[in-house]
């Protein structure tokens, strides 16, 4: 059974405003999460966000600016993941996002 990936309304708006290459990487990430689950260790700087349960992030584009995605498992039983942030690393407030 595959995972269902939803975007918060804010993350959906953010995804529309990133450069096209970053958007392509984001949708590749979403496809992988749907097929293989939320743990994506092959992505750059992938990691679990400390002190936040079931919340993860990875880099979509390295360099300056660095673009990241943050997602959270909202329901393990029904396999639901919510993308909560898409944007620059500098603007990410991990404590508030997850």
PDB file of N, CA and C in Angstrom:
ATOM      1  N   UNK A   1       0.834  -1.189   0.000  1.00  0.00           N
ATOM      2  CA  UNK A   1       0.000   0.000   0.000  1.00  0.00           C
ATOM      3  C   UNK A   1       0.876   1.249   0.000  1.00  0.00           C
ATOM      4  N   UNK A   2       0.530   2.222  -0.820  1.00  0.00           N
ATOM      5  CA  UNK A   2       1.351   3.427  -0.929  1.00  0.00           C
ATOM      6  C   UNK A   2       0.939   4.471   0.115  1.00  0.00           C
ATOM      7  N   UNK A   3       1.828   5.419   0.319  1.00  0.00           N
ATOM      8  CA  UNK A   3       1.588   6.513   1.253  1.00  0.00           C
ATOM      9  C   UNK A   3       0.849   7.634   0.529  1.00  0.00           C
ATOM     10  N   UNK A   4      -0.013   8.327   1.243  1.00  0.00           N
ATOM     11  CA  UNK A   4      -0.717   9.489   0.714  1.00  0.00           C
ATOM     12  C   UNK A   4       0.048  10.731   1.168  1.00  0.00           C
ATOM     13  N   UNK A   5       0.393  11.601   0.234  1.00  0.00           N
ATOM     14  CA  UNK A   5       1.155  12.816   0.550  1.00  0.00           C
ATOM     15  C   UNK A   5       0.280  14.030   0.255  1.00  0.00           C
ATOM     16  N   UNK A   6       0.061  14.838   1.275  1.00  0.00           N
ATOM     17  CA  UNK A   6      -0.714  16.079   1.152  1.00  0.00           C
ATOM     18  C   UNK A   6       0.216  17.259   1.425  1.00  0.00           C
ATOM     19  N   UNK A   7      -0.160  18.425   0.938  1.00  0.00           N
ATOM     20  CA  UNK A   7       0.553  19.661   1.210  1.00  0.00           C
ATOM     21  C   UNK A   7      -0.345  20.549   2.063  1.00  0.00           C
ATOM     22  N   UNK A   8       0.236  21.231   3.048  1.00  0.00           N
ATOM     23  CA  UNK A   8      -0.532  22.273   3.718  1.00  0.00           C
ATOM     24  C   UNK A   8      -0.769  23.367   2.688  1.00  0.00           C
ATOM     25  N   UNK A   9      -1.750  24.208   2.903  1.00  0.00           N
ATOM     26  CA  UNK A   9      -2.023  25.270   1.930  1.00  0.00           C
ATOM     27  C   UNK A   9      -0.821  26.206   1.795  1.00  0.00           C
ATOM     28  N   UNK A  10      -0.140  26.453   2.903  1.00  0.00           N
ATOM     29  CA  UNK A  10       1.048  27.316   2.864  1.00  0.00           C
ATOM     30  C   UNK A  10       2.176  26.658   2.070  1.00  0.00           C
ATOM     31  N   UNK A  11       2.405  25.362   2.290  1.00  0.00           N
ATOM     32  CA  UNK A  11       3.466  24.648   1.566  1.00  0.00           C
ATOM     33  C   UNK A  11       3.148  24.567   0.072  1.00  0.00           C
ATOM     34  N   UNK A  12       1.877  24.454  -0.260  1.00  0.00           N
ATOM     35  CA  UNK A  12       1.475  24.421  -1.665  1.00  0.00           C
ATOM     36  C   UNK A  12       1.817  25.753  -2.349  1.00  0.00           C
ATOM     37  N   UNK A  13       1.551  26.861  -1.668  1.00  0.00           N
ATOM     38  CA  UNK A  13       1.900  28.178  -2.202  1.00  0.00           C
ATOM     39  C   UNK A  13       3.415  28.333  -2.315  1.00  0.00           C
ATOM     40  N   UNK A  14       4.126  27.854  -1.290  1.00  0.00           N
ATOM     41  CA  UNK A  14       5.581  27.941  -1.303  1.00  0.00           C
ATOM     42  C   UNK A  14       6.159  27.148  -2.477  1.00  0.00           C
ATOM     43  N   UNK A  15       5.605  25.970  -2.741  1.00  0.00           N
ATOM     44  CA  UNK A  15       6.101  25.122  -3.829  1.00  0.00           C
ATOM     45  C   UNK A  15       5.932  25.798  -5.186  1.00  0.00           C
ATOM     46  N   UNK A  16       4.897  26.590  -5.331  1.00  0.00           N
ATOM     47  CA  UNK A  16       4.670  27.297  -6.599  1.00  0.00           C
ATOM     48  C   UNK A  16       5.667  28.421  -6.810  1.00  0.00           C
ATOM     49  N   UNK A  17       6.292  28.907  -5.736  1.00  0.00           N
ATOM     50  CA  UNK A  17       7.187  30.057  -5.833  1.00  0.00           C
ATOM     51  C   UNK A  17       8.670  29.712  -5.848  1.00  0.00           C
ATOM     52  N   UNK A  18       9.019  28.430  -5.828  1.00  0.00           N
ATOM     53  CA  UNK A  18      10.432  28.055  -5.884  1.00  0.00           C
ATOM     54  C   UNK A  18      10.849  27.904  -7.349  1.00  0.00           C
ATOM     55  N   UNK A  19      12.151  27.960  -7.638  1.00  0.00           N
ATOM     56  CA  UNK A  19      12.610  27.788  -9.021  1.00  0.00           C
ATOM     57  C   UNK A  19      12.184  26.432  -9.594  1.00  0.00           C
ATOM     58  N   UNK A  20      12.037  26.348 -10.915  1.00  0.00           N
ATOM     59  CA  UNK A  20      11.565  25.110 -11.550  1.00  0.00           C
ATOM     60  C   UNK A  20      12.378  23.861 -11.195  1.00  0.00           C
ATOM     61  N   UNK A  21      13.705  23.967 -11.129  1.00  0.00           N
ATOM     62  CA  UNK A  21      14.535  22.794 -10.799  1.00  0.00           C
ATOM     63  C   UNK A  21      14.256  22.305  -9.379  1.00  0.00           C
ATOM     64  N   UNK A  22      14.029  23.228  -8.473  1.00  0.00           N
ATOM     65  CA  UNK A  22      13.718  22.867  -7.092  1.00  0.00           C
ATOM     66  C   UNK A  22      12.351  22.186  -7.049  1.00  0.00           C
ATOM     67  N   UNK A  23      11.399  22.701  -7.817  1.00  0.00           N
ATOM     68  CA  UNK A  23      10.067  22.105  -7.882  1.00  0.00           C
ATOM     69  C   UNK A  23      10.142  20.678  -8.424  1.00  0.00           C
ATOM     70  N   UNK A  24      10.990  20.461  -9.428  1.00  0.00           N
ATOM     71  CA  UNK A  24      11.178  19.113  -9.969  1.00  0.00           C
ATOM     72  C   UNK A  24      11.719  18.171  -8.899  1.00  0.00           C
ATOM     73  N   UNK A  25      12.693  18.643  -8.124  1.00  0.00           N
ATOM     74  CA  UNK A  25      13.244  17.823  -7.044  1.00  0.00           C
ATOM     75  C   UNK A  25      12.184  17.526  -5.993  1.00  0.00           C
ATOM     76  N   UNK A  26      11.364  18.513  -5.678  1.00  0.00           N
ATOM     77  CA  UNK A  26      10.303  18.332  -4.698  1.00  0.00           C
ATOM     78  C   UNK A  26       9.337  17.240  -5.150  1.00  0.00           C
ATOM     79  N   UNK A  27       8.924  17.280  -6.402  1.00  0.00           N
ATOM     80  CA  UNK A  27       7.970  16.285  -6.867  1.00  0.00           C
ATOM     81  C   UNK A  27       8.605  14.901  -6.993  1.00  0.00           C
ATOM     82  N   UNK A  28       9.910  14.839  -7.252  1.00  0.00           N
ATOM     83  CA  UNK A  28      10.606  13.550  -7.221  1.00  0.00           C
ATOM     84  C   UNK A  28      10.604  13.001  -5.789  1.00  0.00           C
ATOM     85  N   UNK A  29      10.831  13.883  -4.814  1.00  0.00           N
ATOM     86  CA  UNK A  29      10.784  13.483  -3.403  1.00  0.00           C
ATOM     87  C   UNK A  29       9.394  12.968  -3.038  1.00  0.00           C
ATOM     88  N   UNK A  30       8.360  13.689  -3.448  1.00  0.00           N
ATOM     89  CA  UNK A  30       6.982  13.287  -3.146  1.00  0.00           C
ATOM     90  C   UNK A  30       6.674  11.919  -3.752  1.00  0.00           C
ATOM     91  N   UNK A  31       7.114  11.684  -4.979  1.00  0.00           N
ATOM     92  CA  UNK A  31       6.897  10.372  -5.605  1.00  0.00           C
ATOM     93  C   UNK A  31       7.584   9.258  -4.821  1.00  0.00           C
ATOM     94  N   UNK A  32       8.801   9.522  -4.342  1.00  0.00           N
ATOM     95  CA  UNK A  32       9.513   8.530  -3.536  1.00  0.00           C
ATOM     96  C   UNK A  32       8.802   8.268  -2.214  1.00  0.00           C
ATOM     97  N   UNK A  33       8.331   9.316  -1.574  1.00  0.00           N
ATOM     98  CA  UNK A  33       7.609   9.145  -0.308  1.00  0.00           C
ATOM     99  C   UNK A  33       6.345   8.328  -0.541  1.00  0.00           C
ATOM    100  N   UNK A  34       5.631   8.613  -1.616  1.00  0.00           N
ATOM    101  CA  UNK A  34       4.412   7.850  -1.918  1.00  0.00           C
ATOM    102  C   UNK A  34       4.711   6.366  -2.105  1.00  0.00           C
ATOM    103  N   UNK A  35       5.789   6.094  -2.793  1.00  0.00           N
ATOM    104  CA  UNK A  35       6.112   4.708  -3.129  1.00  0.00           C
ATOM    105  C   UNK A  35       6.824   3.972  -1.993  1.00  0.00           C
ATOM    106  N   UNK A  36       7.778   4.649  -1.315  1.00  0.00           N
ATOM    107  CA  UNK A  36       8.672   3.964  -0.377  1.00  0.00           C
ATOM    108  C   UNK A  36       8.514   4.374   1.082  1.00  0.00           C
ATOM    109  N   UNK A  37       7.733   5.426   1.350  1.00  0.00           N
ATOM    110  CA  UNK A  37       7.541   5.864   2.723  1.00  0.00           C
ATOM    111  C   UNK A  37       8.331   7.115   3.061  1.00  0.00           C
ATOM    112  N   UNK A  38       8.119   7.644   4.261  1.00  0.00           N
ATOM    113  CA  UNK A  38       8.678   8.953   4.629  1.00  0.00           C
ATOM    114  C   UNK A  38      10.170   8.964   4.948  1.00  0.00           C
ATOM    115  N   UNK A  39      10.781   7.829   5.196  1.00  0.00           N
ATOM    116  CA  UNK A  39      12.208   7.784   5.515  1.00  0.00           C
ATOM    117  C   UNK A  39      13.001   7.751   4.219  1.00  0.00           C
ATOM    118  N   UNK A  40      13.588   8.877   3.830  1.00  0.00           N
ATOM    119  CA  UNK A  40      14.283   9.008   2.549  1.00  0.00           C
ATOM    120  C   UNK A  40      15.770   9.278   2.768  1.00  0.00           C
ATOM    121  N   UNK A  41      16.520   8.286   3.161  1.00  0.00           N
ATOM    122  CA  UNK A  41      17.930   8.449   3.534  1.00  0.00           C
ATOM    123  C   UNK A  41      18.853   8.770   2.369  1.00  0.00           C
ATOM    124  N   UNK A  42      18.422   8.601   1.134  1.00  0.00           N
ATOM    125  CA  UNK A  42      19.296   8.861  -0.010  1.00  0.00           C
ATOM    126  C   UNK A  42      19.308  10.333  -0.428  1.00  0.00           C
ATOM    127  N   UNK A  43      18.470  11.151   0.155  1.00  0.00           N
ATOM    128  CA  UNK A  43      18.425  12.569  -0.191  1.00  0.00           C
ATOM    129  C   UNK A  43      19.475  13.348   0.595  1.00  0.00           C
ATOM    130  N   UNK A  44      19.982  14.442  -0.004  1.00  0.00           N
ATOM    131  CA  UNK A  44      21.022  15.274   0.616  1.00  0.00           C
ATOM    132  C   UNK A  44      20.552  15.814   1.961  1.00  0.00           C
ATOM    133  N   UNK A  45      21.404  15.657   2.952  1.00  0.00           N
ATOM    134  CA  UNK A  45      21.157  16.173   4.298  1.00  0.00           C
ATOM    135  C   UNK A  45      19.799  15.755   4.869  1.00  0.00           C
ATOM    136  N   UNK A  46      19.356  14.561   4.494  1.00  0.00           N
ATOM    137  CA  UNK A  46      18.123  14.027   5.063  1.00  0.00           C
ATOM    138  C   UNK A  46      18.313  13.841   6.555  1.00  0.00           C
ATOM    139  N   UNK A  47      17.284  14.116   7.317  1.00  0.00           N
ATOM    140  CA  UNK A  47      17.371  13.861   8.746  1.00  0.00           C
ATOM    141  C   UNK A  47      16.041  14.016   9.439  1.00  0.00           C
ATOM    142  N   UNK A  48      15.953  13.370  10.578  1.00  0.00           N
ATOM    143  CA  UNK A  48      14.793  13.523  11.448  1.00  0.00           C
ATOM    144  C   UNK A  48      15.018  14.806  12.238  1.00  0.00           C
ATOM    145  N   UNK A  49      13.993  15.593  12.395  1.00  0.00           N
ATOM    146  CA  UNK A  49      14.121  16.831  13.149  1.00  0.00           C
ATOM    147  C   UNK A  49      14.057  16.484  14.635  1.00  0.00           C
ATOM    148  N   UNK A  50      15.121  16.817  15.332  1.00  0.00           N
ATOM    149  CA  UNK A  50      15.228  16.486  16.755  1.00  0.00           C
ATOM    150  C   UNK A  50      14.121  17.136  17.556  1.00  0.00           C
ATOM    151  N   UNK A  51      13.700  16.449  18.543  1.00  0.00           N
ATOM    152  CA  UNK A  51      12.663  16.875  19.487  1.00  0.00           C
ATOM    153  C   UNK A  51      11.281  17.007  18.847  1.00  0.00           C
ATOM    154  N   UNK A  52      11.149  16.579  17.607  1.00  0.00           N
ATOM    155  CA  UNK A  52       9.852  16.589  16.927  1.00  0.00           C
ATOM    156  C   UNK A  52       9.546  15.174  16.467  1.00  0.00           C
ATOM    157  N   UNK A  53       8.403  14.656  16.861  1.00  0.00           N
ATOM    158  CA  UNK A  53       8.052  13.289  16.522  1.00  0.00           C
ATOM    159  C   UNK A  53       7.618  13.166  15.066  1.00  0.00           C
ATOM    160  N   UNK A  54       8.209  12.218  14.358  1.00  0.00           N
ATOM    161  CA  UNK A  54       7.859  11.885  12.974  1.00  0.00           C
ATOM    162  C   UNK A  54       7.947  13.079  12.021  1.00  0.00           C
ATOM    163  N   UNK A  55       8.928  13.939  12.213  1.00  0.00           N
ATOM    164  CA  UNK A  55       9.121  15.103  11.362  1.00  0.00           C
ATOM    165  C   UNK A  55      10.506  15.009  10.714  1.00  0.00           C
ATOM    166  N   UNK A  56      10.576  15.213   9.391  1.00  0.00           N
ATOM    167  CA  UNK A  56      11.807  15.010   8.630  1.00  0.00           C
ATOM    168  C   UNK A  56      12.065  16.188   7.700  1.00  0.00           C
ATOM    169  N   UNK A  57      13.322  16.283   7.233  1.00  0.00           N
ATOM    170  CA  UNK A  57      13.642  17.302   6.239  1.00  0.00           C
ATOM    171  C   UNK A  57      14.771  16.799   5.345  1.00  0.00           C
ATOM    172  N   UNK A  58      14.937  17.428   4.195  1.00  0.00           N
ATOM    173  CA  UNK A  58      16.083  17.162   3.326  1.00  0.00           C
ATOM    174  C   UNK A  58      16.310  18.383   2.441  1.00  0.00           C
ATOM    175  N   UNK A  59      17.481  18.421   1.834  1.00  0.00           N
ATOM    176  CA  UNK A  59      17.817  19.504   0.918  1.00  0.00           C
ATOM    177  C   UNK A  59      17.337  19.142  -0.483  1.00  0.00           C
ATOM    178  N   UNK A  60      16.665  20.063  -1.126  1.00  0.00           N
ATOM    179  CA  UNK A  60      16.236  19.883  -2.505  1.00  0.00           C
ATOM    180  C   UNK A  60      17.264  20.459  -3.474  1.00  0.00           C
ATOM    181  N   UNK A  61      18.006  21.470  -3.012  1.00  0.00           N
ATOM    182  CA  UNK A  61      19.059  22.100  -3.813  1.00  0.00           C
ATOM    183  C   UNK A  61      20.124  22.605  -2.864  1.00  0.00           C
ATOM    184  N   UNK A  62      21.368  22.209  -3.132  1.00  0.00           N
ATOM    185  CA  UNK A  62      22.488  22.691  -2.328  1.00  0.00           C
ATOM    186  C   UNK A  62      22.965  24.027  -2.880  1.00  0.00           C
ATOM    187  N   UNK A  63      23.810  24.693  -2.137  1.00  0.00           N
ATOM    188  CA  UNK A  63      24.361  25.969  -2.578  1.00  0.00           C
ATOM    189  C   UNK A  63      23.660  27.127  -1.910  1.00  0.00           C
ATOM    190  N   UNK A  64      23.790  28.290  -2.536  1.00  0.00           N
ATOM    191  CA  UNK A  64      23.152  29.483  -1.981  1.00  0.00           C
ATOM    192  C   UNK A  64      22.158  30.019  -2.981  1.00  0.00           C
ATOM    193  N   UNK A  65      20.907  30.120  -2.628  1.00  0.00           N
ATOM    194  CA  UNK A  65      20.337  29.643  -1.375  1.00  0.00           C
ATOM    195  C   UNK A  65      20.092  28.133  -1.411  1.00  0.00           C
ATOM    196  N   UNK A  66      20.096  27.517  -0.259  1.00  0.00           N
ATOM    197  CA  UNK A  66      19.771  26.105  -0.126  1.00  0.00           C
ATOM    198  C   UNK A  66      18.269  25.984   0.060  1.00  0.00           C
ATOM    199  N   UNK A  67      17.648  25.130  -0.732  1.00  0.00           N
ATOM    200  CA  UNK A  67      16.207  24.897  -0.609  1.00  0.00           C
ATOM    201  C   UNK A  67      15.968  23.568   0.100  1.00  0.00           C
ATOM    202  N   UNK A  68      14.966  23.554   0.983  1.00  0.00           N
ATOM    203  CA  UNK A  68      14.662  22.350   1.744  1.00  0.00           C
ATOM    204  C   UNK A  68      13.159  22.052   1.695  1.00  0.00           C
ATOM    205  N   UNK A  69      12.834  20.826   2.088  1.00  0.00           N
ATOM    206  CA  UNK A  69      11.444  20.425   2.288  1.00  0.00           C
ATOM    207  C   UNK A  69      11.347  19.826   3.680  1.00  0.00           C
ATOM    208  N   UNK A  70      10.238  20.095   4.352  1.00  0.00           N
ATOM    209  CA  UNK A  70       9.977  19.533   5.678  1.00  0.00           C
ATOM    210  C   UNK A  70       8.623  18.830   5.608  1.00  0.00           C
ATOM    211  N   UNK A  71       8.604  17.587   6.079  1.00  0.00           N
ATOM    212  CA  UNK A  71       7.359  16.830   6.081  1.00  0.00           C
ATOM    213  C   UNK A  71       7.187  16.090   7.386  1.00  0.00           C
ATOM    214  N   UNK A  72       5.927  15.744   7.687  1.00  0.00           N
ATOM    215  CA  UNK A  72       5.584  15.081   8.942  1.00  0.00           C
ATOM    216  C   UNK A  72       4.615  13.940   8.667  1.00  0.00           C
ATOM    217  N   UNK A  73       4.848  12.819   9.347  1.00  0.00           N
ATOM    218  CA  UNK A  73       3.904  11.703   9.288  1.00  0.00           C
ATOM    219  C   UNK A  73       2.759  12.063  10.226  1.00  0.00           C
ATOM    220  N   UNK A  74       1.573  12.234   9.670  1.00  0.00           N
ATOM    221  CA  UNK A  74       0.438  12.632  10.491  1.00  0.00           C
ATOM    222  C   UNK A  74      -0.416  11.437  10.917  1.00  0.00           C
ATOM    223  N   UNK A  75      -0.346  10.330  10.168  1.00  0.00           N
ATOM    224  CA  UNK A  75      -1.091   9.126  10.543  1.00  0.00           C
ATOM    225  C   UNK A  75      -0.380   7.904   9.988  1.00  0.00           C
ATOM    226  N   UNK A  76       0.246   7.134  10.871  1.00  0.00           N
ATOM    227  CA  UNK A  76       0.989   5.948  10.440  1.00  0.00           C
ATOM    228  C   UNK A  76       0.072   4.834   9.953  1.00  0.00           C
ATOM    229  N   UNK A  77      -1.071   4.669  10.592  1.00  0.00           N
ATOM    230  CA  UNK A  77      -1.971   3.576  10.222  1.00  0.00           C
ATOM    231  C   UNK A  77      -2.564   3.762   8.835  1.00  0.00           C
ATOM    232  N   UNK A  78      -2.991   4.962   8.518  1.00  0.00           N
ATOM    233  CA  UNK A  78      -3.542   5.198   7.180  1.00  0.00           C
ATOM    234  C   UNK A  78      -2.478   5.699   6.206  1.00  0.00           C
ATOM    235  N   UNK A  79      -1.219   5.739   6.660  1.00  0.00           N
ATOM    236  CA  UNK A  79      -0.063   6.126   5.838  1.00  0.00           C
ATOM    237  C   UNK A  79      -0.257   7.504   5.204  1.00  0.00           C
ATOM    238  N   UNK A  80      -0.338   8.506   6.053  1.00  0.00           N
ATOM    239  CA  UNK A  80      -0.546   9.876   5.602  1.00  0.00           C
ATOM    240  C   UNK A  80       0.645  10.751   5.988  1.00  0.00           C
ATOM    241  N   UNK A  81       1.208  11.457   5.004  1.00  0.00           N
ATOM    242  CA  UNK A  81       2.332  12.372   5.194  1.00  0.00           C
ATOM    243  C   UNK A  81       1.889  13.756   4.746  1.00  0.00           C
ATOM    244  N   UNK A  82       2.317  14.773   5.502  1.00  0.00           N
ATOM    245  CA  UNK A  82       1.966  16.150   5.170  1.00  0.00           C
ATOM    246  C   UNK A  82       3.241  16.954   4.957  1.00  0.00           C
ATOM    247  N   UNK A  83       3.388  17.535   3.762  1.00  0.00           N
ATOM    248  CA  UNK A  83       4.502  18.431   3.485  1.00  0.00           C
ATOM    249  C   UNK A  83       4.139  19.768   4.102  1.00  0.00           C
ATOM    250  N   UNK A  84       5.011  20.271   4.989  1.00  0.00           N
ATOM    251  CA  UNK A  84       4.681  21.483   5.745  1.00  0.00           C
ATOM    252  C   UNK A  84       5.476  22.716   5.349  1.00  0.00           C
ATOM    253  N   UNK A  85       6.625  22.525   4.684  1.00  0.00           N
ATOM    254  CA  UNK A  85       7.438  23.682   4.304  1.00  0.00           C
ATOM    255  C   UNK A  85       8.256  23.345   3.064  1.00  0.00           C
ATOM    256  N   UNK A  86       8.315  24.284   2.148  1.00  0.00           N
ATOM    257  CA  UNK A  86       9.174  24.199   0.974  1.00  0.00           C
ATOM    258  C   UNK A  86       9.753  25.585   0.790  1.00  0.00           C
ATOM    259  N   UNK A  87      11.073  25.704   0.891  1.00  0.00           N
ATOM    260  CA  UNK A  87      11.674  27.025   0.727  1.00  0.00           C
ATOM    261  C   UNK A  87      13.133  27.025   1.122  1.00  0.00           C
ATOM    262  N   UNK A  88      13.655  28.207   1.375  1.00  0.00           N
ATOM    263  CA  UNK A  88      15.071  28.329   1.693  1.00  0.00           C
ATOM    264  C   UNK A  88      15.343  27.882   3.125  1.00  0.00           C
ATOM    265  N   UNK A  89      16.523  27.361   3.301  1.00  0.00           N
ATOM    266  CA  UNK A  89      16.968  26.889   4.614  1.00  0.00           C
ATOM    267  C   UNK A  89      17.009  28.047   5.603  1.00  0.00           C
ATOM    268  N   UNK A  90      17.402  29.204   5.121  1.00  0.00           N
ATOM    269  CA  UNK A  90      17.558  30.378   5.977  1.00  0.00           C
ATOM    270  C   UNK A  90      16.241  30.822   6.597  1.00  0.00           C
ATOM    271  N   UNK A  91      15.125  30.609   5.898  1.00  0.00           N
ATOM    272  CA  UNK A  91      13.818  31.066   6.380  1.00  0.00           C
ATOM    273  C   UNK A  91      13.050  30.008   7.164  1.00  0.00           C
ATOM    274  N   UNK A  92      13.620  28.819   7.314  1.00  0.00           N
ATOM    275  CA  UNK A  92      12.906  27.729   7.976  1.00  0.00           C
ATOM    276  C   UNK A  92      13.002  27.842   9.498  1.00  0.00           C
ATOM    277  N   UNK A  93      11.849  27.825  10.132  1.00  0.00           N
ATOM    278  CA  UNK A  93      11.777  27.822  11.591  1.00  0.00           C
ATOM    279  C   UNK A  93      11.267  26.430  11.996  1.00  0.00           C
ATOM    280  N   UNK A  94      12.205  25.508  12.226  1.00  0.00           N
ATOM    281  CA  UNK A  94      11.866  24.110  12.461  1.00  0.00           C
ATOM    282  C   UNK A  94      10.917  23.927  13.634  1.00  0.00           C
ATOM    283  N   UNK A  95      11.097  24.677  14.693  1.00  0.00           N
ATOM    284  CA  UNK A  95      10.258  24.554  15.858  1.00  0.00           C
ATOM    285  C   UNK A  95       8.806  24.916  15.600  1.00  0.00           C
ATOM    286  N   UNK A  96       8.583  25.880  14.748  1.00  0.00           N
ATOM    287  CA  UNK A  96       7.232  26.337  14.448  1.00  0.00           C
ATOM    288  C   UNK A  96       6.583  25.458  13.365  1.00  0.00           C
ATOM    289  N   UNK A  97       7.371  24.951  12.450  1.00  0.00           N
ATOM    290  CA  UNK A  97       6.838  24.218  11.302  1.00  0.00           C
ATOM    291  C   UNK A  97       6.282  22.852  11.698  1.00  0.00           C
ATOM    292  N   UNK A  98       6.992  22.148  12.552  1.00  0.00           N
ATOM    293  CA  UNK A  98       6.531  20.801  12.932  1.00  0.00           C
ATOM    294  C   UNK A  98       5.879  20.863  14.232  1.00  0.00           C
TER     295      UNK A  98
END
